[in-house]
Amino acid sequence: MYQAETQLRVRYAETDQMSYVYYGNYAMYFEVARVEAMRSIGFSYKEMEDEGVMMPVLESHFRYLKPGKYDELLTIKTTIPSLPGVRIRFEYQVFNSQEELITEGWTILTFLKKDSHRPTRPPHNLLALLKAYFQEVG
């Protein structure tokens, strides 16, 4: 299993009239956390796309427990629970500045060839970077 943490501060434009994070913005927060989690192991979305592989979201799920608030520093814990095949699952937990779990969810993305839009295996360099986190213990 691979885990990473990303922090971001809630901006005014991301909130509703109650100064709560507008629910639709959590999809953007999950994307930021996903990209930063991949970057933290040395993998670049941009380079992958330049090499002709895209990663669209197939499914997403959100469970809202408490509101995130304007100017609050949020911590998003991102987990890749298993090595990817044609699809990859990311799981997220969002914590407020009091370290309370406020939102959780997951996304499933697929790897597609840019030119044909057909499913493909994950890039070899991504698998190589992730494999170290999935070694059997014992």
C-alpha atoms as a PDB file:
ATOM      1  CA  MET A   1       0.000   0.000   0.000  1.00  0.00           C
ATOM      2  CA  TYR A   2       1.254   3.475  -0.827  1.00  0.00           C
ATOM      3  CA  GLN A   3       0.242   6.549   1.191  1.00  0.00           C
ATOM      4  CA  ALA A   4       0.978  10.253   0.859  1.00  0.00           C
ATOM      5  CA  GLU A   5      -0.225  13.459   2.502  1.00  0.00           C
ATOM      6  CA  THR A   6      -1.028  16.769   0.848  1.00  0.00           C
ATOM      7  CA  GLN A   7      -1.992  19.984   2.583  1.00  0.00           C
ATOM      8  CA  LEU A   8      -4.062  22.794   1.126  1.00  0.00           C
ATOM      9  CA  ARG A   9      -5.722  25.872   2.518  1.00  0.00           C
ATOM     10  CA  VAL A  10      -9.401  26.483   1.771  1.00  0.00           C
ATOM     11  CA  ARG A  11      -9.750  29.624  -0.339  1.00  0.00           C
ATOM     12  CA  TYR A  12     -12.731  31.965  -0.124  1.00  0.00           C
ATOM     13  CA  ALA A  13     -13.823  31.174  -3.691  1.00  0.00           C
ATOM     14  CA  GLU A  14     -14.156  27.477  -2.734  1.00  0.00           C
ATOM     15  CA  THR A  15     -16.763  28.121  -0.035  1.00  0.00           C
ATOM     16  CA  ASP A  16     -20.495  28.707   0.075  1.00  0.00           C
ATOM     17  CA  GLN A  17     -22.440  31.398   1.949  1.00  0.00           C
ATOM     18  CA  MET A  18     -21.836  29.585   5.266  1.00  0.00           C
ATOM     19  CA  SER A  19     -18.036  29.644   4.689  1.00  0.00           C
ATOM     20  CA  TYR A  20     -18.148  25.844   4.244  1.00  0.00           C
ATOM     21  CA  VAL A  21     -16.268  24.166   1.399  1.00  0.00           C
ATOM     22  CA  TYR A  22     -18.757  23.747  -1.442  1.00  0.00           C
ATOM     23  CA  TYR A  23     -19.198  19.982  -1.838  1.00  0.00           C
ATOM     24  CA  GLY A  24     -18.237  19.941  -5.523  1.00  0.00           C
ATOM     25  CA  ASN A  25     -14.773  21.268  -4.706  1.00  0.00           C
ATOM     26  CA  TYR A  26     -13.775  18.019  -3.025  1.00  0.00           C
ATOM     27  CA  ALA A  27     -13.354  16.481  -6.504  1.00  0.00           C
ATOM     28  CA  MET A  28     -10.724  19.150  -7.193  1.00  0.00           C
ATOM     29  CA  TYR A  29      -9.105  18.542  -3.792  1.00  0.00           C
ATOM     30  CA  PHE A  30      -8.922  14.810  -4.550  1.00  0.00           C
ATOM     31  CA  GLU A  31      -7.301  15.578  -7.911  1.00  0.00           C
ATOM     32  CA  VAL A  32      -4.682  17.821  -6.307  1.00  0.00           C
ATOM     33  CA  ALA A  33      -3.930  15.137  -3.705  1.00  0.00           C
ATOM     34  CA  ARG A  34      -3.727  12.414  -6.378  1.00  0.00           C
ATOM     35  CA  VAL A  35      -1.316  14.366  -8.572  1.00  0.00           C
ATOM     36  CA  GLU A  36       0.855  15.331  -5.593  1.00  0.00           C
ATOM     37  CA  ALA A  37       0.897  11.739  -4.294  1.00  0.00           C
ATOM     38  CA  MET A  38       2.201  10.568  -7.665  1.00  0.00           C
ATOM     39  CA  ARG A  39       4.710  13.429  -7.798  1.00  0.00           C
ATOM     40  CA  SER A  40       6.021  12.484  -4.338  1.00  0.00           C
ATOM     41  CA  ILE A  41       7.245   9.114  -5.666  1.00  0.00           C
ATOM     42  CA  GLY A  42       8.826  10.724  -8.712  1.00  0.00           C
ATOM     43  CA  PHE A  43       6.022  10.174 -11.233  1.00  0.00           C
ATOM     44  CA  SER A  44       4.778  12.989 -13.471  1.00  0.00           C
ATOM     45  CA  TYR A  45       1.252  13.087 -14.911  1.00  0.00           C
ATOM     46  CA  LYS A  46       2.517  15.547 -17.531  1.00  0.00           C
ATOM     47  CA  GLU A  47       5.298  13.227 -18.699  1.00  0.00           C
ATOM     48  CA  MET A  48       2.845  10.323 -18.847  1.00  0.00           C
ATOM     49  CA  GLU A  49       0.488  12.376 -21.013  1.00  0.00           C
ATOM     50  CA  ASP A  50       3.388  13.543 -23.200  1.00  0.00           C
ATOM     51  CA  GLU A  51       4.200   9.844 -23.720  1.00  0.00           C
ATOM     52  CA  GLY A  52       0.646   9.187 -24.933  1.00  0.00           C
ATOM     53  CA  VAL A  53      -1.127   7.791 -21.868  1.00  0.00           C
ATOM     54  CA  MET A  54      -4.138   9.478 -20.264  1.00  0.00           C
ATOM     55  CA  MET A  55      -5.849   8.742 -16.909  1.00  0.00           C
ATOM     56  CA  PRO A  56      -9.537   9.708 -16.918  1.00  0.00           C
ATOM     57  CA  VAL A  57     -11.713   9.198 -13.845  1.00  0.00           C
ATOM     58  CA  LEU A  58     -14.230   6.351 -14.237  1.00  0.00           C
ATOM     59  CA  GLU A  59     -15.862   6.481 -10.808  1.00  0.00           C
ATOM     60  CA  SER A  60     -15.819   8.741  -7.778  1.00  0.00           C
ATOM     61  CA  HIS A  61     -17.425   8.579  -4.362  1.00  0.00           C
ATOM     62  CA  PHE A  62     -17.555  11.118  -1.539  1.00  0.00           C
ATOM     63  CA  ARG A  63     -18.799  10.871   2.037  1.00  0.00           C
ATOM     64  CA  TYR A  64     -19.140  14.204   3.824  1.00  0.00           C
ATOM     65  CA  LEU A  65     -18.845  13.983   7.617  1.00  0.00           C
ATOM     66  CA  LYS A  66     -18.152  17.584   8.698  1.00  0.00           C
ATOM     67  CA  PRO A  67     -17.669  20.817   6.787  1.00  0.00           C
ATOM     68  CA  GLY A  68     -14.308  22.149   5.763  1.00  0.00           C
ATOM     69  CA  LYS A  69     -14.184  25.886   6.434  1.00  0.00           C
ATOM     70  CA  TYR A  70     -12.742  29.000   4.852  1.00  0.00           C
ATOM     71  CA  ASP A  71      -9.015  29.540   5.546  1.00  0.00           C
ATOM     72  CA  GLU A  72      -8.665  26.148   7.232  1.00  0.00           C
ATOM     73  CA  LEU A  73      -5.582  24.078   6.472  1.00  0.00           C
ATOM     74  CA  LEU A  74      -6.739  20.646   5.300  1.00  0.00           C
ATOM     75  CA  THR A  75      -4.630  17.501   5.159  1.00  0.00           C
ATOM     76  CA  ILE A  76      -5.555  14.928   2.532  1.00  0.00           C
ATOM     77  CA  LYS A  77      -4.241  11.416   3.033  1.00  0.00           C
ATOM     78  CA  THR A  78      -4.139   9.570  -0.282  1.00  0.00           C
ATOM     79  CA  THR A  79      -3.796   5.800  -0.437  1.00  0.00           C
ATOM     80  CA  ILE A  80      -3.193   3.472  -3.371  1.00  0.00           C
ATOM     81  CA  PRO A  81      -4.354   0.184  -1.826  1.00  0.00           C
ATOM     82  CA  SER A  82      -3.089  -2.139  -4.573  1.00  0.00           C
ATOM     83  CA  LEU A  83      -0.855  -2.167  -7.626  1.00  0.00           C
ATOM     84  CA  PRO A  84      -2.683  -0.902 -10.694  1.00  0.00           C
ATOM     85  CA  GLY A  85      -3.712  -2.916 -13.712  1.00  0.00           C
ATOM     86  CA  VAL A  86      -5.694  -1.188 -16.456  1.00  0.00           C
ATOM     87  CA  ARG A  87      -7.406   0.662 -13.586  1.00  0.00           C
ATOM     88  CA  ILE A  88      -6.064   2.325 -10.466  1.00  0.00           C
ATOM     89  CA  ARG A  89      -7.929   3.108  -7.254  1.00  0.00           C
ATOM     90  CA  PHE A  90      -7.121   6.057  -4.999  1.00  0.00           C
ATOM     91  CA  GLU A  91      -8.641   6.412  -1.535  1.00  0.00           C
ATOM     92  CA  TYR A  92      -8.786   9.733   0.306  1.00  0.00           C
ATOM     93  CA  GLN A  93      -9.281  10.975   3.845  1.00  0.00           C
ATOM     94  CA  VAL A  94      -9.567  14.716   4.437  1.00  0.00           C
ATOM     95  CA  PHE A  95      -8.743  16.050   7.898  1.00  0.00           C
ATOM     96  CA  ASN A  96      -9.355  19.545   9.249  1.00  0.00           C
ATOM     97  CA  SER A  97      -6.873  21.553  11.299  1.00  0.00           C
ATOM     98  CA  GLN A  98      -8.108  19.803  14.481  1.00  0.00           C
ATOM     99  CA  GLU A  99      -7.163  16.472  12.847  1.00  0.00           C
ATOM    100  CA  GLU A 100     -10.826  15.426  12.589  1.00  0.00           C
ATOM    101  CA  LEU A 101     -11.864  13.330   9.592  1.00  0.00           C
ATOM    102  CA  ILE A 102     -14.264  15.542   7.630  1.00  0.00           C
ATOM    103  CA  THR A 103     -14.556  13.852   4.225  1.00  0.00           C
ATOM    104  CA  GLU A 104     -13.563  10.518   2.771  1.00  0.00           C
ATOM    105  CA  GLY A 105     -13.891   8.958  -0.632  1.00  0.00           C
ATOM    106  CA  TRP A 106     -12.278   7.210  -3.554  1.00  0.00           C
ATOM    107  CA  THR A 107     -11.759   7.454  -7.276  1.00  0.00           C
ATOM    108  CA  ILE A 108     -11.095   4.827  -9.914  1.00  0.00           C
ATOM    109  CA  LEU A 109      -9.169   5.918 -12.983  1.00  0.00           C
ATOM    110  CA  THR A 110      -8.176   3.999 -16.079  1.00  0.00           C
ATOM    111  CA  PHE A 111      -5.128   4.184 -18.311  1.00  0.00           C
ATOM    112  CA  LEU A 112      -5.954   5.018 -21.943  1.00  0.00           C
ATOM    113  CA  LYS A 113      -3.810   5.388 -25.039  1.00  0.00           C
ATOM    114  CA  LYS A 114      -4.076   9.017 -26.079  1.00  0.00           C
ATOM    115  CA  ASP A 115      -4.301   8.314 -29.807  1.00  0.00           C
ATOM    116  CA  SER A 116      -6.875   5.481 -29.753  1.00  0.00           C
ATOM    117  CA  HIS A 117      -8.642   6.041 -26.415  1.00  0.00           C
ATOM    118  CA  ARG A 118      -8.251   2.303 -25.793  1.00  0.00           C
ATOM    119  CA  PRO A 119      -7.361   0.850 -22.383  1.00  0.00           C
ATOM    120  CA  THR A 120      -3.697   0.157 -21.771  1.00  0.00           C
ATOM    121  CA  ARG A 121      -1.456  -1.113 -18.993  1.00  0.00           C
ATOM    122  CA  PRO A 122       0.050   1.431 -16.608  1.00  0.00           C
ATOM    123  CA  PRO A 123       3.380   2.940 -17.615  1.00  0.00           C
ATOM    124  CA  HIS A 124       6.328   0.724 -16.650  1.00  0.00           C
ATOM    125  CA  ASN A 125       8.001   3.511 -14.684  1.00  0.00           C
ATOM    126  CA  LEU A 126       4.875   3.980 -12.539  1.00  0.00           C
ATOM    127  CA  LEU A 127       4.746   0.263 -11.734  1.00  0.00           C
ATOM    128  CA  ALA A 128       8.449   0.249 -10.906  1.00  0.00           C
ATOM    129  CA  LEU A 129       8.027   3.204  -8.529  1.00  0.00           C
ATOM    130  CA  LEU A 130       5.017   1.652  -6.777  1.00  0.00           C
ATOM    131  CA  LYS A 131       6.263  -1.929  -6.462  1.00  0.00           C
ATOM    132  CA  ALA A 132       8.545  -1.095  -3.533  1.00  0.00           C
ATOM    133  CA  TYR A 133       5.460  -0.161  -1.484  1.00  0.00           C
ATOM    134  CA  PHE A 134       3.750  -3.479  -2.176  1.00  0.00           C
ATOM    135  CA  GLN A 135       6.521  -5.922  -1.287  1.00  0.00           C
ATOM    136  CA  GLU A 136       5.446  -8.845   0.879  1.00  0.00           C
ATOM    137  CA  VAL A 137       6.652  -8.611   4.470  1.00  0.00           C
ATOM    138  CA  GLY A 138       7.926 -11.762   6.176  1.00  0.00           C
END
